Amino acid sequence: MMNTNQLARKKCVPCEGGVALLPSDEASKLLGQVPGWSITSDGKRLNRSWRVKDFVTGLDFFRRIGDIAESQDHHPDLHLVGYRNVTIEIWTHAVGGLTENDFILAAQISELAVELKK
């Protein structure tokens, strides 16, 4: 089984609908490799939330996530609410659910340092 670091070293594969959805048991196994992330109740998305130090910290975090997303050509939904509550949702839009790409991106995001609210 892969660990978070091994998953983060992988590259997202191009997906225009040619990648199969992960069966729920495989998604559950990969979820164990991305601590702090959860699968939504409908089983179609990964999400994670942080309470960052302040608004500027949230924006900087999003900028760095954007750099990763562009390099992987896989783009999450980013939410900044209440000026420091950050939530990220990831799924493969082209197939309407989870693929290995989503877990790769989650692992890469998890490696980013971010200053949290104390």
C-alpha atoms as a PDB file:
ATOM      1  CA  MET A   1       0.000   0.000   0.000  1.00  0.00           C
ATOM      2  CA  MET A   2       1.244   3.501  -0.819  1.00  0.00           C
ATOM      3  CA  ASN A   3       1.907   6.111   1.812  1.00  0.00           C
ATOM      4  CA  THR A   4       1.088   9.828   1.490  1.00  0.00           C
ATOM      5  CA  ASN A   5       4.569  10.695   0.254  1.00  0.00           C
ATOM      6  CA  GLN A   6       4.466   8.049  -2.490  1.00  0.00           C
ATOM      7  CA  LEU A   7       1.009   9.176  -3.570  1.00  0.00           C
ATOM      8  CA  ALA A   8       2.143  12.819  -3.644  1.00  0.00           C
ATOM      9  CA  ARG A   9       5.022  11.906  -6.000  1.00  0.00           C
ATOM     10  CA  LYS A  10       2.648  10.570  -8.635  1.00  0.00           C
ATOM     11  CA  LYS A  11       1.381  12.702 -11.519  1.00  0.00           C
ATOM     12  CA  CYS A  12      -2.275  13.079 -12.417  1.00  0.00           C
ATOM     13  CA  VAL A  13      -3.121  11.365 -15.691  1.00  0.00           C
ATOM     14  CA  PRO A  14      -4.971  13.372 -18.329  1.00  0.00           C
ATOM     15  CA  CYS A  15      -8.683  12.749 -18.025  1.00  0.00           C
ATOM     16  CA  GLU A  16     -11.348  13.658 -20.505  1.00  0.00           C
ATOM     17  CA  GLY A  17     -13.782  10.993 -19.419  1.00  0.00           C
ATOM     18  CA  GLY A  18     -11.463   8.064 -20.237  1.00  0.00           C
ATOM     19  CA  VAL A  19     -10.624   7.325 -16.605  1.00  0.00           C
ATOM     20  CA  ALA A  20     -12.893   5.030 -14.618  1.00  0.00           C
ATOM     21  CA  LEU A  21     -14.489   5.994 -11.327  1.00  0.00           C
ATOM     22  CA  LEU A  22     -12.866   4.361  -8.312  1.00  0.00           C
ATOM     23  CA  PRO A  23     -14.953   1.683  -6.650  1.00  0.00           C
ATOM     24  CA  SER A  24     -15.852   2.768  -3.109  1.00  0.00           C
ATOM     25  CA  ASP A  25     -13.565   0.159  -1.504  1.00  0.00           C
ATOM     26  CA  GLU A  26     -10.557   1.457  -3.475  1.00  0.00           C
ATOM     27  CA  ALA A  27     -11.461   5.051  -2.611  1.00  0.00           C
ATOM     28  CA  SER A  28     -11.631   4.088   1.072  1.00  0.00           C
ATOM     29  CA  LYS A  29      -8.161   2.507   0.884  1.00  0.00           C
ATOM     30  CA  LEU A  30      -6.689   5.616  -0.751  1.00  0.00           C
ATOM     31  CA  LEU A  31      -8.421   7.830   1.819  1.00  0.00           C
ATOM     32  CA  GLY A  32      -6.173   6.226   4.436  1.00  0.00           C
ATOM     33  CA  GLN A  33      -3.203   7.715   2.562  1.00  0.00           C
ATOM     34  CA  VAL A  34      -4.443  11.306   2.863  1.00  0.00           C
ATOM     35  CA  PRO A  35      -4.989  12.009   6.581  1.00  0.00           C
ATOM     36  CA  GLY A  36      -7.377  14.851   7.343  1.00  0.00           C
ATOM     37  CA  TRP A  37      -9.368  14.398   4.135  1.00  0.00           C
ATOM     38  CA  SER A  38     -12.829  12.829   3.997  1.00  0.00           C
ATOM     39  CA  ILE A  39     -15.155  11.515   1.333  1.00  0.00           C
ATOM     40  CA  THR A  40     -18.492  13.307   1.082  1.00  0.00           C
ATOM     41  CA  SER A  41     -21.633  11.381   2.028  1.00  0.00           C
ATOM     42  CA  ASP A  42     -22.540  10.907  -1.651  1.00  0.00           C
ATOM     43  CA  GLY A  43     -19.116   9.281  -2.221  1.00  0.00           C
ATOM     44  CA  LYS A  44     -18.274  11.628  -5.098  1.00  0.00           C
ATOM     45  CA  ARG A  45     -15.842  14.161  -3.609  1.00  0.00           C
ATOM     46  CA  LEU A  46     -12.902  14.553  -1.277  1.00  0.00           C
ATOM     47  CA  ASN A  47     -12.913  17.476   1.113  1.00  0.00           C
ATOM     48  CA  ARG A  48     -10.850  18.993   3.859  1.00  0.00           C
ATOM     49  CA  SER A  49     -11.104  22.156   5.955  1.00  0.00           C
ATOM     50  CA  TRP A  50      -8.577  24.334   7.760  1.00  0.00           C
ATOM     51  CA  ARG A  51      -8.915  27.403   9.979  1.00  0.00           C
ATOM     52  CA  VAL A  52      -5.951  29.482   8.871  1.00  0.00           C
ATOM     53  CA  LYS A  53      -4.274  32.359  10.692  1.00  0.00           C
ATOM     54  CA  ASP A  54      -5.918  35.141   8.670  1.00  0.00           C
ATOM     55  CA  PHE A  55      -7.305  36.154   5.285  1.00  0.00           C
ATOM     56  CA  VAL A  56      -3.902  36.759   3.681  1.00  0.00           C
ATOM     57  CA  THR A  57      -2.743  33.310   4.823  1.00  0.00           C
ATOM     58  CA  GLY A  58      -5.800  31.765   3.167  1.00  0.00           C
ATOM     59  CA  LEU A  59      -5.134  33.603  -0.083  1.00  0.00           C
ATOM     60  CA  ASP A  60      -1.475  32.549  -0.079  1.00  0.00           C
ATOM     61  CA  PHE A  61      -2.500  28.939   0.582  1.00  0.00           C
ATOM     62  CA  PHE A  62      -4.893  29.099  -2.387  1.00  0.00           C
ATOM     63  CA  ARG A  63      -2.157  30.557  -4.606  1.00  0.00           C
ATOM     64  CA  ARG A  64       0.149  27.655  -3.766  1.00  0.00           C
ATOM     65  CA  ILE A  65      -2.668  25.147  -4.292  1.00  0.00           C
ATOM     66  CA  GLY A  66      -3.330  26.824  -7.639  1.00  0.00           C
ATOM     67  CA  ASP A  67       0.288  26.289  -8.666  1.00  0.00           C
ATOM     68  CA  ILE A  68      -0.020  22.568  -7.919  1.00  0.00           C
ATOM     69  CA  ALA A  69      -3.411  22.328  -9.620  1.00  0.00           C
ATOM     70  CA  GLU A  70      -2.064  23.959 -12.781  1.00  0.00           C
ATOM     71  CA  SER A  71       0.996  21.697 -12.852  1.00  0.00           C
ATOM     72  CA  GLN A  72      -1.279  18.644 -12.545  1.00  0.00           C
ATOM     73  CA  ASP A  73      -4.016  20.053 -14.801  1.00  0.00           C
ATOM     74  CA  HIS A  74      -6.482  19.020 -12.101  1.00  0.00           C
ATOM     75  CA  HIS A  75      -8.423  21.786 -10.407  1.00  0.00           C
ATOM     76  CA  PRO A  76     -10.156  21.689  -7.009  1.00  0.00           C
ATOM     77  CA  ASP A  77     -12.963  23.894  -5.758  1.00  0.00           C
ATOM     78  CA  LEU A  78     -11.578  26.378  -3.226  1.00  0.00           C
ATOM     79  CA  HIS A  79     -13.732  28.043  -0.575  1.00  0.00           C
ATOM     80  CA  LEU A  80     -12.678  30.851   1.790  1.00  0.00           C
ATOM     81  CA  VAL A  81     -15.465  31.772   4.198  1.00  0.00           C
ATOM     82  CA  GLY A  82     -15.415  34.012   7.255  1.00  0.00           C
ATOM     83  CA  TYR A  83     -12.002  35.324   6.158  1.00  0.00           C
ATOM     84  CA  ARG A  84     -10.037  32.346   7.467  1.00  0.00           C
ATOM     85  CA  ASN A  85     -12.109  29.181   7.080  1.00  0.00           C
ATOM     86  CA  VAL A  86     -10.695  27.270   4.118  1.00  0.00           C
ATOM     87  CA  THR A  87     -12.381  24.255   2.537  1.00  0.00           C
ATOM     88  CA  ILE A  88     -11.192  22.361  -0.507  1.00  0.00           C
ATOM     89  CA  GLU A  89     -13.267  19.936  -2.545  1.00  0.00           C
ATOM     90  CA  ILE A  90     -11.705  17.657  -5.139  1.00  0.00           C
ATOM     91  CA  TRP A  91     -13.300  15.354  -7.671  1.00  0.00           C
ATOM     92  CA  THR A  92     -12.806  14.473 -11.279  1.00  0.00           C
ATOM     93  CA  HIS A  93     -15.362  16.627 -13.028  1.00  0.00           C
ATOM     94  CA  ALA A  94     -15.062  14.719 -16.318  1.00  0.00           C
ATOM     95  CA  VAL A  95     -16.361  11.509 -14.724  1.00  0.00           C
ATOM     96  CA  GLY A  96     -18.507  12.997 -11.955  1.00  0.00           C
ATOM     97  CA  GLY A  97     -16.732  11.337  -9.062  1.00  0.00           C
ATOM     98  CA  LEU A  98     -13.475  10.135  -7.581  1.00  0.00           C
ATOM     99  CA  THR A  99     -10.428   8.850  -9.438  1.00  0.00           C
ATOM    100  CA  GLU A 100      -6.863   8.268  -8.302  1.00  0.00           C
ATOM    101  CA  ASN A 101      -6.053  11.784  -9.574  1.00  0.00           C
ATOM    102  CA  ASP A 102      -8.123  13.262  -6.745  1.00  0.00           C
ATOM    103  CA  PHE A 103      -6.091  11.457  -4.104  1.00  0.00           C
ATOM    104  CA  ILE A 104      -2.821  12.436  -5.796  1.00  0.00           C
ATOM    105  CA  LEU A 105      -3.846  16.105  -5.680  1.00  0.00           C
ATOM    106  CA  ALA A 106      -5.032  15.791  -2.066  1.00  0.00           C
ATOM    107  CA  ALA A 107      -1.675  14.262  -1.070  1.00  0.00           C
ATOM    108  CA  GLN A 108       0.205  17.090  -2.785  1.00  0.00           C
ATOM    109  CA  ILE A 109      -1.944  19.742  -1.094  1.00  0.00           C
ATOM    110  CA  SER A 110      -1.412  18.017   2.253  1.00  0.00           C
ATOM    111  CA  GLU A 111       2.331  18.540   1.928  1.00  0.00           C
ATOM    112  CA  LEU A 112       1.919  22.335   1.849  1.00  0.00           C
ATOM    113  CA  ALA A 113       2.674  24.154   5.078  1.00  0.00           C
ATOM    114  CA  VAL A 114      -0.021  26.559   6.236  1.00  0.00           C
ATOM    115  CA  GLU A 115      -0.186  28.685   9.380  1.00  0.00           C
ATOM    116  CA  LEU A 116      -3.302  27.795  11.329  1.00  0.00           C
ATOM    117  CA  LYS A 117      -5.359  29.892  13.734  1.00  0.00           C
ATOM    118  CA  LYS A 118      -4.229  29.285  17.299  1.00  0.00           C
END
